Amino acid sequence: MTWLLAYTPFVDPLDLHDVWWLTLAPLALGISIAYKAVRVPTLEEFWKGVLVMTAQIIMGMIGLGVLVYLVIEVFFGL
């Protein structure tokens, strides 16, 4: 019963080990919004820039994952 009274996120984090990759899109979106909010001079193309940067972050992370897989499994897995 006492565990319902207070949730401490840093002491008892959510168990997302099986679906950790689902957190990539919201994290990339948040980073893109914060970066573009500081960098763009006008808000005319703000959301377009945010979506492009979000896609770049996600594609970059996928590319890095593939690269690390290739290095570990193909080159060192002889």
PDB file of N, CA and C in Angstrom:
ATOM      1  N   MET A   1       0.812  -1.197   0.000  1.00  0.00           N
ATOM      2  CA  MET A   1       0.000   0.000   0.000  1.00  0.00           C
ATOM      3  C   MET A   1       0.853   1.257   0.000  1.00  0.00           C
ATOM      4  N   THR A   2       1.988   1.220   0.686  1.00  0.00           N
ATOM      5  CA  THR A   2       2.816   2.430   0.752  1.00  0.00           C
ATOM      6  C   THR A   2       3.456   2.755  -0.585  1.00  0.00           C
ATOM      7  N   TRP A   3       3.620   1.787  -1.481  1.00  0.00           N
ATOM      8  CA  TRP A   3       4.220   2.084  -2.777  1.00  0.00           C
ATOM      9  C   TRP A   3       3.285   2.898  -3.662  1.00  0.00           C
ATOM     10  N   LEU A   4       2.000   2.955  -3.325  1.00  0.00           N
ATOM     11  CA  LEU A   4       1.052   3.768  -4.071  1.00  0.00           C
ATOM     12  C   LEU A   4       1.078   5.229  -3.653  1.00  0.00           C
ATOM     13  N   LEU A   5       1.608   5.516  -2.504  1.00  0.00           N
ATOM     14  CA  LEU A   5       1.546   6.881  -1.985  1.00  0.00           C
ATOM     15  C   LEU A   5       2.502   7.832  -2.689  1.00  0.00           C
ATOM     16  N   ALA A   6       3.696   7.378  -2.985  1.00  0.00           N
ATOM     17  CA  ALA A   6       4.661   8.261  -3.613  1.00  0.00           C
ATOM     18  C   ALA A   6       5.476   7.480  -4.630  1.00  0.00           C
ATOM     19  N   TYR A   7       5.553   8.024  -5.825  1.00  0.00           N
ATOM     20  CA  TYR A   7       6.368   7.426  -6.877  1.00  0.00           C
ATOM     21  C   TYR A   7       7.664   8.214  -6.980  1.00  0.00           C
ATOM     22  N   THR A   8       8.780   7.549  -6.860  1.00  0.00           N
ATOM     23  CA  THR A   8      10.089   8.198  -6.953  1.00  0.00           C
ATOM     24  C   THR A   8      10.761   7.719  -8.235  1.00  0.00           C
ATOM     25  N   PRO A   9      10.751   8.540  -9.288  1.00  0.00           N
ATOM     26  CA  PRO A   9      11.226   8.069 -10.587  1.00  0.00           C
ATOM     27  C   PRO A   9      12.713   7.741 -10.632  1.00  0.00           C
ATOM     28  N   PHE A  10      13.549   8.396  -9.857  1.00  0.00           N
ATOM     29  CA  PHE A  10      14.978   8.098  -9.911  1.00  0.00           C
ATOM     30  C   PHE A  10      15.351   6.897  -9.050  1.00  0.00           C
ATOM     31  N   VAL A  11      14.534   6.582  -8.075  1.00  0.00           N
ATOM     32  CA  VAL A  11      14.786   5.414  -7.242  1.00  0.00           C
ATOM     33  C   VAL A  11      14.110   4.181  -7.838  1.00  0.00           C
ATOM     34  N   ASP A  12      12.887   4.335  -8.320  1.00  0.00           N
ATOM     35  CA  ASP A  12      12.119   3.245  -8.921  1.00  0.00           C
ATOM     36  C   ASP A  12      11.739   3.604 -10.358  1.00  0.00           C
ATOM     37  N   PRO A  13      12.672   3.507 -11.324  1.00  0.00           N
ATOM     38  CA  PRO A  13      12.340   3.896 -12.700  1.00  0.00           C
ATOM     39  C   PRO A  13      11.383   2.899 -13.351  1.00  0.00           C
ATOM     40  N   LEU A  14      10.755   3.329 -14.427  1.00  0.00           N
ATOM     41  CA  LEU A  14       9.864   2.448 -15.170  1.00  0.00           C
ATOM     42  C   LEU A  14      10.658   1.319 -15.809  1.00  0.00           C
ATOM     43  N   ASP A  15      10.060   0.161 -15.896  1.00  0.00           N
ATOM     44  CA  ASP A  15      10.710  -0.994 -16.501  1.00  0.00           C
ATOM     45  C   ASP A  15      10.428  -0.995 -18.006  1.00  0.00           C
ATOM     46  N   LEU A  16      11.275  -0.298 -18.765  1.00  0.00           N
ATOM     47  CA  LEU A  16      11.091  -0.184 -20.207  1.00  0.00           C
ATOM     48  C   LEU A  16      12.198  -0.885 -20.982  1.00  0.00           C
ATOM     49  N   HIS A  17      12.785  -1.918 -20.408  1.00  0.00           N
ATOM     50  CA  HIS A  17      13.908  -2.572 -21.060  1.00  0.00           C
ATOM     51  C   HIS A  17      13.519  -3.248 -22.364  1.00  0.00           C
ATOM     52  N   ASP A  18      12.305  -3.701 -22.487  1.00  0.00           N
ATOM     53  CA  ASP A  18      11.888  -4.378 -23.709  1.00  0.00           C
ATOM     54  C   ASP A  18      11.469  -3.407 -24.811  1.00  0.00           C
ATOM     55  N   VAL A  19      11.046  -2.238 -24.447  1.00  0.00           N
ATOM     56  CA  VAL A  19      10.569  -1.252 -25.429  1.00  0.00           C
ATOM     57  C   VAL A  19      11.316   0.070 -25.296  1.00  0.00           C
ATOM     58  N   TRP A  20      12.602   0.022 -25.006  1.00  0.00           N
ATOM     59  CA  TRP A  20      13.384   1.240 -24.813  1.00  0.00           C
ATOM     60  C   TRP A  20      13.432   2.082 -26.076  1.00  0.00           C
ATOM     61  N   TRP A  21      13.357   1.456 -27.235  1.00  0.00           N
ATOM     62  CA  TRP A  21      13.467   2.164 -28.500  1.00  0.00           C
ATOM     63  C   TRP A  21      12.268   3.069 -28.770  1.00  0.00           C
ATOM     64  N   LEU A  22      11.155   2.837 -28.067  1.00  0.00           N
ATOM     65  CA  LEU A  22       9.993   3.715 -28.233  1.00  0.00           C
ATOM     66  C   LEU A  22      10.218   5.108 -27.644  1.00  0.00           C
ATOM     67  N   THR A  23      11.207   5.238 -26.804  1.00  0.00           N
ATOM     68  CA  THR A  23      11.504   6.550 -26.210  1.00  0.00           C
ATOM     69  C   THR A  23      12.358   7.421 -27.128  1.00  0.00           C
ATOM     70  N   LEU A  24      12.872   6.859 -28.235  1.00  0.00           N
ATOM     71  CA  LEU A  24      13.727   7.623 -29.137  1.00  0.00           C
ATOM     72  C   LEU A  24      12.977   8.763 -29.821  1.00  0.00           C
ATOM     73  N   ALA A  25      11.785   8.518 -30.320  1.00  0.00           N
ATOM     74  CA  ALA A  25      11.039   9.549 -31.045  1.00  0.00           C
ATOM     75  C   ALA A  25      10.659  10.735 -30.156  1.00  0.00           C
ATOM     76  N   PRO A  26      10.093  10.536 -28.958  1.00  0.00           N
ATOM     77  CA  PRO A  26       9.795  11.704 -28.121  1.00  0.00           C
ATOM     78  C   PRO A  26      11.040  12.458 -27.675  1.00  0.00           C
ATOM     79  N   LEU A  27      12.122  11.738 -27.419  1.00  0.00           N
ATOM     80  CA  LEU A  27      13.368  12.392 -27.028  1.00  0.00           C
ATOM     81  C   LEU A  27      13.929  13.224 -28.184  1.00  0.00           C
ATOM     82  N   ALA A  28      13.932  12.671 -29.389  1.00  0.00           N
ATOM     83  CA  ALA A  28      14.412  13.405 -30.558  1.00  0.00           C
ATOM     84  C   ALA A  28      13.527  14.613 -30.845  1.00  0.00           C
ATOM     85  N   LEU A  29      12.229  14.467 -30.684  1.00  0.00           N
ATOM     86  CA  LEU A  29      11.311  15.589 -30.895  1.00  0.00           C
ATOM     87  C   LEU A  29      11.558  16.702 -29.879  1.00  0.00           C
ATOM     88  N   GLY A  30      11.733  16.334 -28.630  1.00  0.00           N
ATOM     89  CA  GLY A  30      11.998  17.342 -27.597  1.00  0.00           C
ATOM     90  C   GLY A  30      13.303  18.078 -27.825  1.00  0.00           C
ATOM     91  N   ILE A  31      14.346  17.355 -28.206  1.00  0.00           N
ATOM     92  CA  ILE A  31      15.626  17.988 -28.501  1.00  0.00           C
ATOM     93  C   ILE A  31      15.497  18.925 -29.697  1.00  0.00           C
ATOM     94  N   SER A  32      14.770  18.492 -30.716  1.00  0.00           N
ATOM     95  CA  SER A  32      14.591  19.313 -31.912  1.00  0.00           C
ATOM     96  C   SER A  32      13.820  20.585 -31.614  1.00  0.00           C
ATOM     97  N   ILE A  33      12.771  20.481 -30.818  1.00  0.00           N
ATOM     98  CA  ILE A  33      11.982  21.664 -30.465  1.00  0.00           C
ATOM     99  C   ILE A  33      12.831  22.653 -29.684  1.00  0.00           C
ATOM    100  N   ALA A  34      13.580  22.171 -28.710  1.00  0.00           N
ATOM    101  CA  ALA A  34      14.411  23.071 -27.901  1.00  0.00           C
ATOM    102  C   ALA A  34      15.499  23.720 -28.745  1.00  0.00           C
ATOM    103  N   TYR A  35      16.138  22.957 -29.618  1.00  0.00           N
ATOM    104  CA  TYR A  35      17.216  23.503 -30.435  1.00  0.00           C
ATOM    105  C   TYR A  35      16.689  24.523 -31.433  1.00  0.00           C
ATOM    106  N   LYS A  36      15.615  24.176 -32.127  1.00  0.00           N
ATOM    107  CA  LYS A  36      15.069  25.085 -33.136  1.00  0.00           C
ATOM    108  C   LYS A  36      14.452  26.329 -32.508  1.00  0.00           C
ATOM    109  N   ALA A  37      13.926  26.222 -31.306  1.00  0.00           N
ATOM    110  CA  ALA A  37      13.354  27.389 -30.638  1.00  0.00           C
ATOM    111  C   ALA A  37      14.428  28.438 -30.353  1.00  0.00           C
ATOM    112  N   VAL A  38      15.642  27.991 -30.152  1.00  0.00           N
ATOM    113  CA  VAL A  38      16.737  28.925 -29.880  1.00  0.00           C
ATOM    114  C   VAL A  38      17.378  29.408 -31.170  1.00  0.00           C
ATOM    115  N   ARG A  39      17.437  28.568 -32.189  1.00  0.00           N
ATOM    116  CA  ARG A  39      18.224  28.861 -33.384  1.00  0.00           C
ATOM    117  C   ARG A  39      17.493  29.577 -34.518  1.00  0.00           C
ATOM    118  N   VAL A  40      16.203  29.375 -34.703  1.00  0.00           N
ATOM    119  CA  VAL A  40      15.547  29.978 -35.868  1.00  0.00           C
ATOM    120  C   VAL A  40      15.246  31.452 -35.610  1.00  0.00           C
ATOM    121  N   PRO A  41      15.470  32.309 -36.623  1.00  0.00           N
ATOM    122  CA  PRO A  41      15.195  33.736 -36.422  1.00  0.00           C
ATOM    123  C   PRO A  41      13.692  34.072 -36.432  1.00  0.00           C
ATOM    124  N   THR A  42      12.915  33.351 -37.244  1.00  0.00           N
ATOM    125  CA  THR A  42      11.460  33.544 -37.278  1.00  0.00           C
ATOM    126  C   THR A  42      10.782  32.190 -37.142  1.00  0.00           C
ATOM    127  N   LEU A  43       9.506  32.217 -36.811  1.00  0.00           N
ATOM    128  CA  LEU A  43       8.772  30.961 -36.605  1.00  0.00           C
ATOM    129  C   LEU A  43       8.025  30.481 -37.849  1.00  0.00           C
ATOM    130  N   GLU A  44       8.358  31.055 -39.010  1.00  0.00           N
ATOM    131  CA  GLU A  44       7.644  30.684 -40.231  1.00  0.00           C
ATOM    132  C   GLU A  44       7.850  29.213 -40.601  1.00  0.00           C
ATOM    133  N   GLU A  45       9.064  28.728 -40.503  1.00  0.00           N
ATOM    134  CA  GLU A  45       9.346  27.337 -40.856  1.00  0.00           C
ATOM    135  C   GLU A  45       9.828  26.550 -39.650  1.00  0.00           C
ATOM    136  N   PHE A  46       9.339  26.905 -38.488  1.00  0.00           N
ATOM    137  CA  PHE A  46       9.776  26.262 -37.253  1.00  0.00           C
ATOM    138  C   PHE A  46       9.438  24.782 -37.238  1.00  0.00           C
ATOM    139  N   TRP A  47       8.170  24.437 -37.489  1.00  0.00           N
ATOM    140  CA  TRP A  47       7.748  23.043 -37.382  1.00  0.00           C
ATOM    141  C   TRP A  47       8.331  22.175 -38.483  1.00  0.00           C
ATOM    142  N   LYS A  48       8.534  22.748 -39.655  1.00  0.00           N
ATOM    143  CA  LYS A  48       9.195  21.989 -40.722  1.00  0.00           C
ATOM    144  C   LYS A  48      10.623  21.647 -40.303  1.00  0.00           C
ATOM    145  N   GLY A  49      11.324  22.629 -39.753  1.00  0.00           N
ATOM    146  CA  GLY A  49      12.682  22.387 -39.280  1.00  0.00           C
ATOM    147  C   GLY A  49      12.738  21.382 -38.143  1.00  0.00           C
ATOM    148  N   VAL A  50      11.744  21.438 -37.256  1.00  0.00           N
ATOM    149  CA  VAL A  50      11.684  20.485 -36.139  1.00  0.00           C
ATOM    150  C   VAL A  50      11.480  19.068 -36.662  1.00  0.00           C
ATOM    151  N   LEU A  51      10.574  18.891 -37.606  1.00  0.00           N
ATOM    152  CA  LEU A  51      10.319  17.549 -38.139  1.00  0.00           C
ATOM    153  C   LEU A  51      11.508  17.012 -38.924  1.00  0.00           C
ATOM    154  N   VAL A  52      12.173  17.882 -39.674  1.00  0.00           N
ATOM    155  CA  VAL A  52      13.358  17.449 -40.425  1.00  0.00           C
ATOM    156  C   VAL A  52      14.469  17.044 -39.460  1.00  0.00           C
ATOM    157  N   MET A  53      14.691  17.844 -38.438  1.00  0.00           N
ATOM    158  CA  MET A  53      15.743  17.524 -37.476  1.00  0.00           C
ATOM    159  C   MET A  53      15.408  16.258 -36.690  1.00  0.00           C
ATOM    160  N   THR A  54      14.150  16.061 -36.348  1.00  0.00           N
ATOM    161  CA  THR A  54      13.736  14.840 -35.659  1.00  0.00           C
ATOM    162  C   THR A  54      14.014  13.615 -36.524  1.00  0.00           C
ATOM    163  N   ALA A  55      13.676  13.700 -37.803  1.00  0.00           N
ATOM    164  CA  ALA A  55      13.949  12.586 -38.720  1.00  0.00           C
ATOM    165  C   ALA A  55      15.455  12.354 -38.852  1.00  0.00           C
ATOM    166  N   GLN A  56      16.236  13.427 -38.895  1.00  0.00           N
ATOM    167  CA  GLN A  56      17.691  13.275 -38.987  1.00  0.00           C
ATOM    168  C   GLN A  56      18.257  12.582 -37.753  1.00  0.00           C
ATOM    169  N   ILE A  57      17.768  12.940 -36.583  1.00  0.00           N
ATOM    170  CA  ILE A  57      18.246  12.308 -35.350  1.00  0.00           C
ATOM    171  C   ILE A  57      17.900  10.825 -35.346  1.00  0.00           C
ATOM    172  N   ILE A  58      16.659  10.489 -35.705  1.00  0.00           N
ATOM    173  CA  ILE A  58      16.232   9.089 -35.698  1.00  0.00           C
ATOM    174  C   ILE A  58      17.003   8.281 -36.731  1.00  0.00           C
ATOM    175  N   MET A  59      17.166   8.813 -37.940  1.00  0.00           N
ATOM    176  CA  MET A  59      17.930   8.098 -38.969  1.00  0.00           C
ATOM    177  C   MET A  59      19.401   7.973 -38.568  1.00  0.00           C
ATOM    178  N   GLY A  60      19.940   8.993 -37.934  1.00  0.00           N
ATOM    179  CA  GLY A  60      21.319   8.920 -37.463  1.00  0.00           C
ATOM    180  C   GLY A  60      21.507   7.849 -36.402  1.00  0.00           C
ATOM    181  N   MET A  61      20.554   7.736 -35.489  1.00  0.00           N
ATOM    182  CA  MET A  61      20.651   6.712 -34.446  1.00  0.00           C
ATOM    183  C   MET A  61      20.517   5.303 -35.041  1.00  0.00           C
ATOM    184  N   ILE A  62      19.638   5.148 -36.026  1.00  0.00           N
ATOM    185  CA  ILE A  62      19.513   3.855 -36.698  1.00  0.00           C
ATOM    186  C   ILE A  62      20.807   3.526 -37.436  1.00  0.00           C
ATOM    187  N   GLY A  63      21.370   4.521 -38.118  1.00  0.00           N
ATOM    188  CA  GLY A  63      22.631   4.316 -38.823  1.00  0.00           C
ATOM    189  C   GLY A  63      23.770   3.955 -37.885  1.00  0.00           C
ATOM    190  N   LEU A  64      23.840   4.630 -36.745  1.00  0.00           N
ATOM    191  CA  LEU A  64      24.873   4.300 -35.764  1.00  0.00           C
ATOM    192  C   LEU A  64      24.678   2.897 -35.209  1.00  0.00           C
ATOM    193  N   GLY A  65      23.436   2.493 -35.002  1.00  0.00           N
ATOM    194  CA  GLY A  65      23.169   1.142 -34.529  1.00  0.00           C
ATOM    195  C   GLY A  65      23.606   0.088 -35.533  1.00  0.00           C
ATOM    196  N   VAL A  66      23.331   0.327 -36.801  1.00  0.00           N
ATOM    197  CA  VAL A  66      23.758  -0.605 -37.848  1.00  0.00           C
ATOM    198  C   VAL A  66      25.278  -0.646 -37.930  1.00  0.00           C
ATOM    199  N   LEU A  67      25.920   0.507 -37.853  1.00  0.00           N
ATOM    200  CA  LEU A  67      27.377   0.571 -37.909  1.00  0.00           C
ATOM    201  C   LEU A  67      28.023  -0.178 -36.745  1.00  0.00           C
ATOM    202  N   VAL A  68      27.512   0.024 -35.547  1.00  0.00           N
ATOM    203  CA  VAL A  68      28.056  -0.679 -34.381  1.00  0.00           C
ATOM    204  C   VAL A  68      27.821  -2.179 -34.517  1.00  0.00           C
ATOM    205  N   TYR A  69      26.661  -2.579 -34.997  1.00  0.00           N
ATOM    206  CA  TYR A  69      26.394  -4.001 -35.218  1.00  0.00           C
ATOM    207  C   TYR A  69      27.398  -4.594 -36.206  1.00  0.00           C
ATOM    208  N   LEU A  70      27.635  -3.885 -37.316  1.00  0.00           N
ATOM    209  CA  LEU A  70      28.576  -4.388 -38.305  1.00  0.00           C
ATOM    210  C   LEU A  70      29.980  -4.492 -37.743  1.00  0.00           C
ATOM    211  N   VAL A  71      30.406  -3.494 -37.006  1.00  0.00           N
ATOM    212  CA  VAL A  71      31.752  -3.524 -36.439  1.00  0.00           C
ATOM    213  C   VAL A  71      31.903  -4.677 -35.465  1.00  0.00           C
ATOM    214  N   ILE A  72      30.932  -4.868 -34.606  1.00  0.00           N
ATOM    215  CA  ILE A  72      31.043  -5.903 -33.582  1.00  0.00           C
ATOM    216  C   ILE A  72      30.848  -7.295 -34.165  1.00  0.00           C
ATOM    217  N   GLU A  73      29.802  -7.518 -34.921  1.00  0.00           N
ATOM    218  CA  GLU A  73      29.459  -8.864 -35.394  1.00  0.00           C
ATOM    219  C   GLU A  73      30.257  -9.290 -36.620  1.00  0.00           C
ATOM    220  N   VAL A  74      30.488  -8.383 -37.556  1.00  0.00           N
ATOM    221  CA  VAL A  74      31.131  -8.776 -38.795  1.00  0.00           C
ATOM    222  C   VAL A  74      32.650  -8.715 -38.678  1.00  0.00           C
ATOM    223  N   PHE A  75      33.177  -7.594 -38.184  1.00  0.00           N
ATOM    224  CA  PHE A  75      34.618  -7.434 -38.148  1.00  0.00           C
ATOM    225  C   PHE A  75      35.276  -8.153 -36.975  1.00  0.00           C
ATOM    226  N   PHE A  76      34.652  -8.134 -35.807  1.00  0.00           N
ATOM    227  CA  PHE A  76      35.237  -8.777 -34.652  1.00  0.00           C
ATOM    228  C   PHE A  76      34.654 -10.155 -34.388  1.00  0.00           C
ATOM    229  N   GLY A  77      33.659 -10.551 -35.124  1.00  0.00           N
ATOM    230  CA  GLY A  77      33.033 -11.855 -34.914  1.00  0.00           C
ATOM    231  C   GLY A  77      33.583 -12.940 -35.807  1.00  0.00           C
ATOM    232  N   LEU A  78      34.809 -12.786 -36.236  1.00  0.00           N
ATOM    233  CA  LEU A  78      35.415 -13.770 -37.141  1.00  0.00           C
ATOM    234  C   LEU A  78      35.577 -15.046 -36.462  1.00  0.00           C
TER     235      LEU A  78
END
